[in-house]
PDB file of all heavy atoms in Angstrom:
ATOM      1  N   SER A   1      60.581  35.905 -27.048  1.00  0.00           N
ATOM      2  CA  SER A   1      60.676  34.634 -27.763  1.00  0.00           C
ATOM      3  C   SER A   1      61.332  34.812 -29.126  1.00  0.00           C
ATOM      4  O   SER A   1      62.051  33.931 -29.602  1.00  0.00           O
ATOM      5  CB  SER A   1      59.286  34.004 -27.923  1.00  0.00           C
ATOM      6  OG  SER A   1      58.485  34.783 -28.770  1.00  0.00           O
ATOM      7  N   LEU A   2      61.077  35.949 -29.785  1.00  0.00           N
ATOM      8  CA  LEU A   2      61.719  36.210 -31.064  1.00  0.00           C
ATOM      9  C   LEU A   2      63.229  36.334 -30.894  1.00  0.00           C
ATOM     10  O   LEU A   2      64.009  35.852 -31.717  1.00  0.00           O
ATOM     11  CB  LEU A   2      61.144  37.477 -31.694  1.00  0.00           C
ATOM     12  CG  LEU A   2      59.715  37.356 -32.239  1.00  0.00           C
ATOM     13  CD1 LEU A   2      59.194  38.726 -32.652  1.00  0.00           C
ATOM     14  CD2 LEU A   2      59.660  36.385 -33.404  1.00  0.00           C
ATOM     15  N   ARG A   3      63.650  36.988 -29.821  1.00  0.00           N
ATOM     16  CA  ARG A   3      65.089  37.124 -29.570  1.00  0.00           C
ATOM     17  C   ARG A   3      65.725  35.774 -29.262  1.00  0.00           C
ATOM     18  O   ARG A   3      66.838  35.488 -29.685  1.00  0.00           O
ATOM     19  CB  ARG A   3      65.336  38.097 -28.405  1.00  0.00           C
ATOM     20  CG  ARG A   3      65.058  39.554 -28.741  1.00  0.00           C
ATOM     21  CD  ARG A   3      65.639  40.471 -27.688  1.00  0.00           C
ATOM     22  NE  ARG A   3      65.096  40.234 -26.374  1.00  0.00           N
ATOM     23  CZ  ARG A   3      64.007  40.808 -25.891  1.00  0.00           C
ATOM     24  NH1 ARG A   3      63.313  41.656 -26.650  1.00  0.00           N
ATOM     25  NH2 ARG A   3      63.582  40.550 -24.659  1.00  0.00           N
ATOM     26  N   ARG A   4      64.980  34.934 -28.522  1.00  0.00           N
ATOM     27  CA  ARG A   4      65.540  33.642 -28.115  1.00  0.00           C
ATOM     28  C   ARG A   4      65.297  32.546 -29.145  1.00  0.00           C
ATOM     29  O   ARG A   4      65.843  31.459 -29.033  1.00  0.00           O
ATOM     30  CB  ARG A   4      64.898  33.197 -26.791  1.00  0.00           C
ATOM     31  CG  ARG A   4      65.181  34.126 -25.621  1.00  0.00           C
ATOM     32  CD  ARG A   4      64.402  33.654 -24.415  1.00  0.00           C
ATOM     33  NE  ARG A   4      64.640  34.500 -23.254  1.00  0.00           N
ATOM     34  CZ  ARG A   4      64.016  34.329 -22.087  1.00  0.00           C
ATOM     35  NH1 ARG A   4      63.120  33.374 -21.951  1.00  0.00           N
ATOM     36  NH2 ARG A   4      64.286  35.130 -21.072  1.00  0.00           N
ATOM     37  N   SER A   5      64.446  32.808 -30.152  1.00  0.00           N
ATOM     38  CA  SER A   5      64.021  31.832 -31.143  1.00  0.00           C
ATOM     39  C   SER A   5      63.196  30.705 -30.525  1.00  0.00           C
ATOM     40  O   SER A   5      62.983  29.671 -31.152  1.00  0.00           O
ATOM     41  CB  SER A   5      65.240  31.215 -31.876  1.00  0.00           C
ATOM     42  OG  SER A   5      65.941  32.225 -32.544  1.00  0.00           O
ATOM     43  N   ARG A   6      62.727  30.852 -29.297  1.00  0.00           N
ATOM     44  CA  ARG A   6      61.905  29.853 -28.628  1.00  0.00           C
ATOM     45  C   ARG A   6      61.017  30.545 -27.607  1.00  0.00           C
ATOM     46  O   ARG A   6      61.407  31.563 -27.022  1.00  0.00           O
ATOM     47  CB  ARG A   6      62.755  28.816 -27.878  1.00  0.00           C
ATOM     48  CG  ARG A   6      63.450  27.794 -28.745  1.00  0.00           C
ATOM     49  CD  ARG A   6      62.468  26.767 -29.297  1.00  0.00           C
ATOM     50  NE  ARG A   6      63.158  25.732 -30.053  1.00  0.00           N
ATOM     51  CZ  ARG A   6      63.433  25.814 -31.340  1.00  0.00           C
ATOM     52  NH1 ARG A   6      63.097  26.907 -32.022  1.00  0.00           N
ATOM     53  NH2 ARG A   6      64.042  24.826 -31.959  1.00  0.00           N
ATOM     54  N   THR A   7      59.819  29.992 -27.380  1.00  0.00           N
ATOM     55  CA  THR A   7      59.003  30.442 -26.259  1.00  0.00           C
ATOM     56  C   THR A   7      59.394  29.636 -25.028  1.00  0.00           C
ATOM     57  O   THR A   7      60.270  28.778 -25.079  1.00  0.00           O
ATOM     58  CB  THR A   7      57.505  30.215 -26.546  1.00  0.00           C
ATOM     59  OG1 THR A   7      57.260  28.805 -26.592  1.00  0.00           O
ATOM     60  CG2 THR A   7      57.090  30.849 -27.859  1.00  0.00           C
ATOM     61  N   SER A   8      58.717  29.902 -23.920  1.00  0.00           N
ATOM     62  CA  SER A   8      58.922  29.090 -22.716  1.00  0.00           C
ATOM     63  C   SER A   8      57.757  28.124 -22.547  1.00  0.00           C
ATOM     64  O   SER A   8      57.430  27.725 -21.434  1.00  0.00           O
ATOM     65  CB  SER A   8      59.042  29.996 -21.486  1.00  0.00           C
ATOM     66  OG  SER A   8      57.870  30.781 -21.336  1.00  0.00           O
ATOM     67  N   LEU A   9      57.128  27.736 -23.669  1.00  0.00           N
ATOM     68  CA  LEU A   9      55.956  26.863 -23.633  1.00  0.00           C
ATOM     69  C   LEU A   9      56.292  25.471 -24.152  1.00  0.00           C
ATOM     70  O   LEU A   9      57.080  25.310 -25.086  1.00  0.00           O
ATOM     71  CB  LEU A   9      54.831  27.439 -24.486  1.00  0.00           C
ATOM     72  CG  LEU A   9      54.255  28.795 -24.075  1.00  0.00           C
ATOM     73  CD1 LEU A   9      53.231  29.243 -25.107  1.00  0.00           C
ATOM     74  CD2 LEU A   9      53.634  28.713 -22.693  1.00  0.00           C
ATOM     75  N   TRP A  10      55.676  24.465 -23.541  1.00  0.00           N
ATOM     76  CA  TRP A  10      55.693  23.108 -24.060  1.00  0.00           C
ATOM     77  C   TRP A  10      54.310  22.771 -24.595  1.00  0.00           C
ATOM     78  O   TRP A  10      53.301  23.111 -23.968  1.00  0.00           O
ATOM     79  CB  TRP A  10      56.022  22.088 -22.980  1.00  0.00           C
ATOM     80  CG  TRP A  10      57.406  22.122 -22.455  1.00  0.00           C
ATOM     81  CD1 TRP A  10      58.445  22.890 -22.887  1.00  0.00           C
ATOM     82  CD2 TRP A  10      57.904  21.326 -21.371  1.00  0.00           C
ATOM     83  NE1 TRP A  10      59.567  22.636 -22.140  1.00  0.00           N
ATOM     84  CE2 TRP A  10      59.259  21.669 -21.201  1.00  0.00           C
ATOM     85  CE3 TRP A  10      57.350  20.370 -20.536  1.00  0.00           C
ATOM     86  CZ2 TRP A  10      60.061  21.079 -20.224  1.00  0.00           C
ATOM     87  CZ3 TRP A  10      58.134  19.780 -19.561  1.00  0.00           C
ATOM     88  CH2 TRP A  10      59.488  20.131 -19.411  1.00  0.00           C
ATOM     89  N   ALA A  11      54.250  22.088 -25.718  1.00  0.00           N
ATOM     90  CA  ALA A  11      52.997  21.509 -26.189  1.00  0.00           C
ATOM     91  C   ALA A  11      52.951  20.049 -25.734  1.00  0.00           C
ATOM     92  O   ALA A  11      53.910  19.302 -25.952  1.00  0.00           O
ATOM     93  CB  ALA A  11      52.895  21.590 -27.705  1.00  0.00           C
ATOM     94  N   VAL A  12      51.867  19.671 -25.079  1.00  0.00           N
ATOM     95  CA  VAL A  12      51.643  18.274 -24.715  1.00  0.00           C
ATOM     96  C   VAL A  12      50.454  17.798 -25.544  1.00  0.00           C
ATOM     97  O   VAL A  12      49.312  18.183 -25.297  1.00  0.00           O
ATOM     98  CB  VAL A  12      51.370  18.115 -23.208  1.00  0.00           C
ATOM     99  CG1 VAL A  12      51.110  16.645 -22.875  1.00  0.00           C
ATOM    100  CG2 VAL A  12      52.557  18.631 -22.404  1.00  0.00           C
ATOM    101  N   ILE A  13      50.744  16.989 -26.559  1.00  0.00           N
ATOM    102  CA  ILE A  13      49.717  16.517 -27.488  1.00  0.00           C
ATOM    103  C   ILE A  13      49.318  15.103 -27.083  1.00  0.00           C
ATOM    104  O   ILE A  13      50.104  14.159 -27.234  1.00  0.00           O
ATOM    105  CB  ILE A  13      50.224  16.546 -28.942  1.00  0.00           C
ATOM    106  CG1 ILE A  13      50.742  17.946 -29.300  1.00  0.00           C
ATOM    107  CG2 ILE A  13      49.130  16.112 -29.905  1.00  0.00           C
ATOM    108  CD1 ILE A  13      51.407  18.031 -30.674  1.00  0.00           C
ATOM    109  N   ILE A  14      48.114  14.962 -26.537  1.00  0.00           N
ATOM    110  CA  ILE A  14      47.633  13.659 -26.096  1.00  0.00           C
ATOM    111  C   ILE A  14      46.581  13.149 -27.072  1.00  0.00           C
ATOM    112  O   ILE A  14      45.981  13.906 -27.825  1.00  0.00           O
ATOM    113  CB  ILE A  14      47.078  13.707 -24.665  1.00  0.00           C
ATOM    114  CG1 ILE A  14      45.899  14.673 -24.575  1.00  0.00           C
ATOM    115  CG2 ILE A  14      48.186  14.100 -23.690  1.00  0.00           C
ATOM    116  CD1 ILE A  14      45.232  14.670 -23.220  1.00  0.00           C
ATOM    117  N   SER A  15      46.328  11.845 -27.022  1.00  0.00           N
ATOM    118  CA  SER A  15      45.453  11.243 -28.025  1.00  0.00           C
ATOM    119  C   SER A  15      43.981  11.300 -27.663  1.00  0.00           C
ATOM    120  O   SER A  15      43.130  11.172 -28.544  1.00  0.00           O
ATOM    121  CB  SER A  15      45.872   9.785 -28.273  1.00  0.00           C
ATOM    122  OG  SER A  15      45.947   9.068 -27.059  1.00  0.00           O
ATOM    123  N   ASP A  16      43.633  11.481 -26.382  1.00  0.00           N
ATOM    124  CA  ASP A  16      42.219  11.514 -26.009  1.00  0.00           C
ATOM    125  C   ASP A  16      42.060  12.202 -24.664  1.00  0.00           C
ATOM    126  O   ASP A  16      42.295  11.598 -23.615  1.00  0.00           O
ATOM    127  CB  ASP A  16      41.641  10.095 -25.954  1.00  0.00           C
ATOM    128  CG  ASP A  16      40.136  10.081 -25.690  1.00  0.00           C
ATOM    129  OD1 ASP A  16      39.538  11.172 -25.564  1.00  0.00           O
ATOM    130  OD2 ASP A  16      39.564   8.978 -25.616  1.00  0.00           O
ATOM    131  N   ILE A  17      41.630  13.449 -24.675  1.00  0.00           N
ATOM    132  CA  ILE A  17      41.501  14.213 -23.431  1.00  0.00           C
ATOM    133  C   ILE A  17      40.391  13.659 -22.542  1.00  0.00           C
ATOM    134  O   ILE A  17      40.353  13.910 -21.342  1.00  0.00           O
ATOM    135  CB  ILE A  17      41.244  15.699 -23.751  1.00  0.00           C
ATOM    136  CG1 ILE A  17      41.597  16.585 -22.551  1.00  0.00           C
ATOM    137  CG2 ILE A  17      39.802  15.928 -24.201  1.00  0.00           C
ATOM    138  CD1 ILE A  17      41.609  18.059 -22.875  1.00  0.00           C
ATOM    139  N   GLY A  18      39.473  12.873 -23.119  1.00  0.00           N
ATOM    140  CA  GLY A  18      38.398  12.283 -22.336  1.00  0.00           C
ATOM    141  C   GLY A  18      38.798  11.028 -21.590  1.00  0.00           C
ATOM    142  O   GLY A  18      38.014  10.503 -20.795  1.00  0.00           O
ATOM    143  N   ASN A  19      40.013  10.543 -21.814  1.00  0.00           N
ATOM    144  CA  ASN A  19      40.473   9.322 -21.153  1.00  0.00           C
ATOM    145  C   ASN A  19      41.151   9.679 -19.837  1.00  0.00           C
ATOM    146  O   ASN A  19      42.143  10.414 -19.827  1.00  0.00           O
ATOM    147  CB  ASN A  19      41.457   8.587 -22.067  1.00  0.00           C
ATOM    148  CG  ASN A  19      41.799   7.198 -21.566  1.00  0.00           C
ATOM    149  OD1 ASN A  19      41.806   6.934 -20.367  1.00  0.00           O
ATOM    150  ND2 ASN A  19      42.097   6.305 -22.486  1.00  0.00           N
ATOM    151  N   PRO A  20      40.646   9.157 -18.693  1.00  0.00           N
ATOM    152  CA  PRO A  20      41.248   9.517 -17.397  1.00  0.00           C
ATOM    153  C   PRO A  20      42.700   9.099 -17.260  1.00  0.00           C
ATOM    154  O   PRO A  20      43.405   9.607 -16.387  1.00  0.00           O
ATOM    155  CB  PRO A  20      40.355   8.796 -16.378  1.00  0.00           C
ATOM    156  CG  PRO A  20      39.605   7.763 -17.146  1.00  0.00           C
ATOM    157  CD  PRO A  20      39.458   8.294 -18.537  1.00  0.00           C
ATOM    158  N   PHE A  21      43.179   8.189 -18.121  1.00  0.00           N
ATOM    159  CA  PHE A  21      44.588   7.810 -18.100  1.00  0.00           C
ATOM    160  C   PHE A  21      45.492   9.027 -18.226  1.00  0.00           C
ATOM    161  O   PHE A  21      46.535   9.130 -17.594  1.00  0.00           O
ATOM    162  CB  PHE A  21      44.866   6.818 -19.241  1.00  0.00           C
ATOM    163  CG  PHE A  21      46.316   6.663 -19.591  1.00  0.00           C
ATOM    164  CD1 PHE A  21      47.150   5.859 -18.835  1.00  0.00           C
ATOM    165  CD2 PHE A  21      46.863   7.321 -20.683  1.00  0.00           C
ATOM    166  CE1 PHE A  21      48.495   5.720 -19.158  1.00  0.00           C
ATOM    167  CE2 PHE A  21      48.194   7.188 -21.015  1.00  0.00           C
ATOM    168  CZ  PHE A  21      49.017   6.375 -20.251  1.00  0.00           C
ATOM    169  N   PHE A  22      45.076   9.996 -19.066  1.00  0.00           N
ATOM    170  CA  PHE A  22      45.939  11.131 -19.362  1.00  0.00           C
ATOM    171  C   PHE A  22      45.917  12.200 -18.271  1.00  0.00           C
ATOM    172  O   PHE A  22      46.797  13.052 -18.236  1.00  0.00           O
ATOM    173  CB  PHE A  22      45.562  11.745 -20.703  1.00  0.00           C
ATOM    174  CG  PHE A  22      45.930  10.886 -21.876  1.00  0.00           C
ATOM    175  CD1 PHE A  22      44.969  10.178 -22.580  1.00  0.00           C
ATOM    176  CD2 PHE A  22      47.255  10.759 -22.264  1.00  0.00           C
ATOM    177  CE1 PHE A  22      45.312   9.381 -23.646  1.00  0.00           C
ATOM    178  CE2 PHE A  22      47.617   9.960 -23.336  1.00  0.00           C
ATOM    179  CZ  PHE A  22      46.630   9.264 -24.032  1.00  0.00           C
ATOM    180  N   THR A  23      44.929  12.188 -17.398  1.00  0.00           N
ATOM    181  CA  THR A  23      44.825  13.234 -16.384  1.00  0.00           C
ATOM    182  C   THR A  23      46.044  13.250 -15.479  1.00  0.00           C
ATOM    183  O   THR A  23      46.705  14.281 -15.291  1.00  0.00           O
ATOM    184  CB  THR A  23      43.549  13.042 -15.545  1.00  0.00           C
ATOM    185  OG1 THR A  23      42.415  12.980 -16.409  1.00  0.00           O
ATOM    186  CG2 THR A  23      43.385  14.172 -14.549  1.00  0.00           C
ATOM    187  N   SER A  24      46.340  12.098 -14.897  1.00  0.00           N
ATOM    188  CA  SER A  24      47.492  12.007 -14.001  1.00  0.00           C
ATOM    189  C   SER A  24      48.806  12.159 -14.754  1.00  0.00           C
ATOM    190  O   SER A  24      49.758  12.757 -14.246  1.00  0.00           O
ATOM    191  CB  SER A  24      47.458  10.663 -13.260  1.00  0.00           C
ATOM    192  OG  SER A  24      48.540  10.537 -12.373  1.00  0.00           O
ATOM    193  N   MET A  25      48.848  11.654 -15.970  1.00  0.00           N
ATOM    194  CA  MET A  25      50.067  11.767 -16.767  1.00  0.00           C
ATOM    195  C   MET A  25      50.427  13.225 -17.042  1.00  0.00           C
ATOM    196  O   MET A  25      51.579  13.649 -16.884  1.00  0.00           O
ATOM    197  CB  MET A  25      49.887  11.016 -18.082  1.00  0.00           C
ATOM    198  CG  MET A  25      51.161  10.876 -18.895  1.00  0.00           C
ATOM    199  SD  MET A  25      50.822  10.430 -20.597  1.00  0.00           S
ATOM    200  CE  MET A  25      50.396  12.047 -21.275  1.00  0.00           C
ATOM    201  N   VAL A  26      49.429  14.015 -17.445  1.00  0.00           N
ATOM    202  CA  VAL A  26      49.675  15.429 -17.736  1.00  0.00           C
ATOM    203  C   VAL A  26      50.064  16.176 -16.471  1.00  0.00           C
ATOM    204  O   VAL A  26      50.900  17.091 -16.510  1.00  0.00           O
ATOM    205  CB  VAL A  26      48.439  16.066 -18.405  1.00  0.00           C
ATOM    206  CG1 VAL A  26      48.602  17.572 -18.534  1.00  0.00           C
ATOM    207  CG2 VAL A  26      48.205  15.451 -19.785  1.00  0.00           C
TER     208      VAL A  26
END
């Protein structure tokens, strides 16, 4: 990642992990 200046990871920042709406979306 240092060589590429990027990892192979995405951050998915959701507003409420307890809301079932986000389960299918993620």
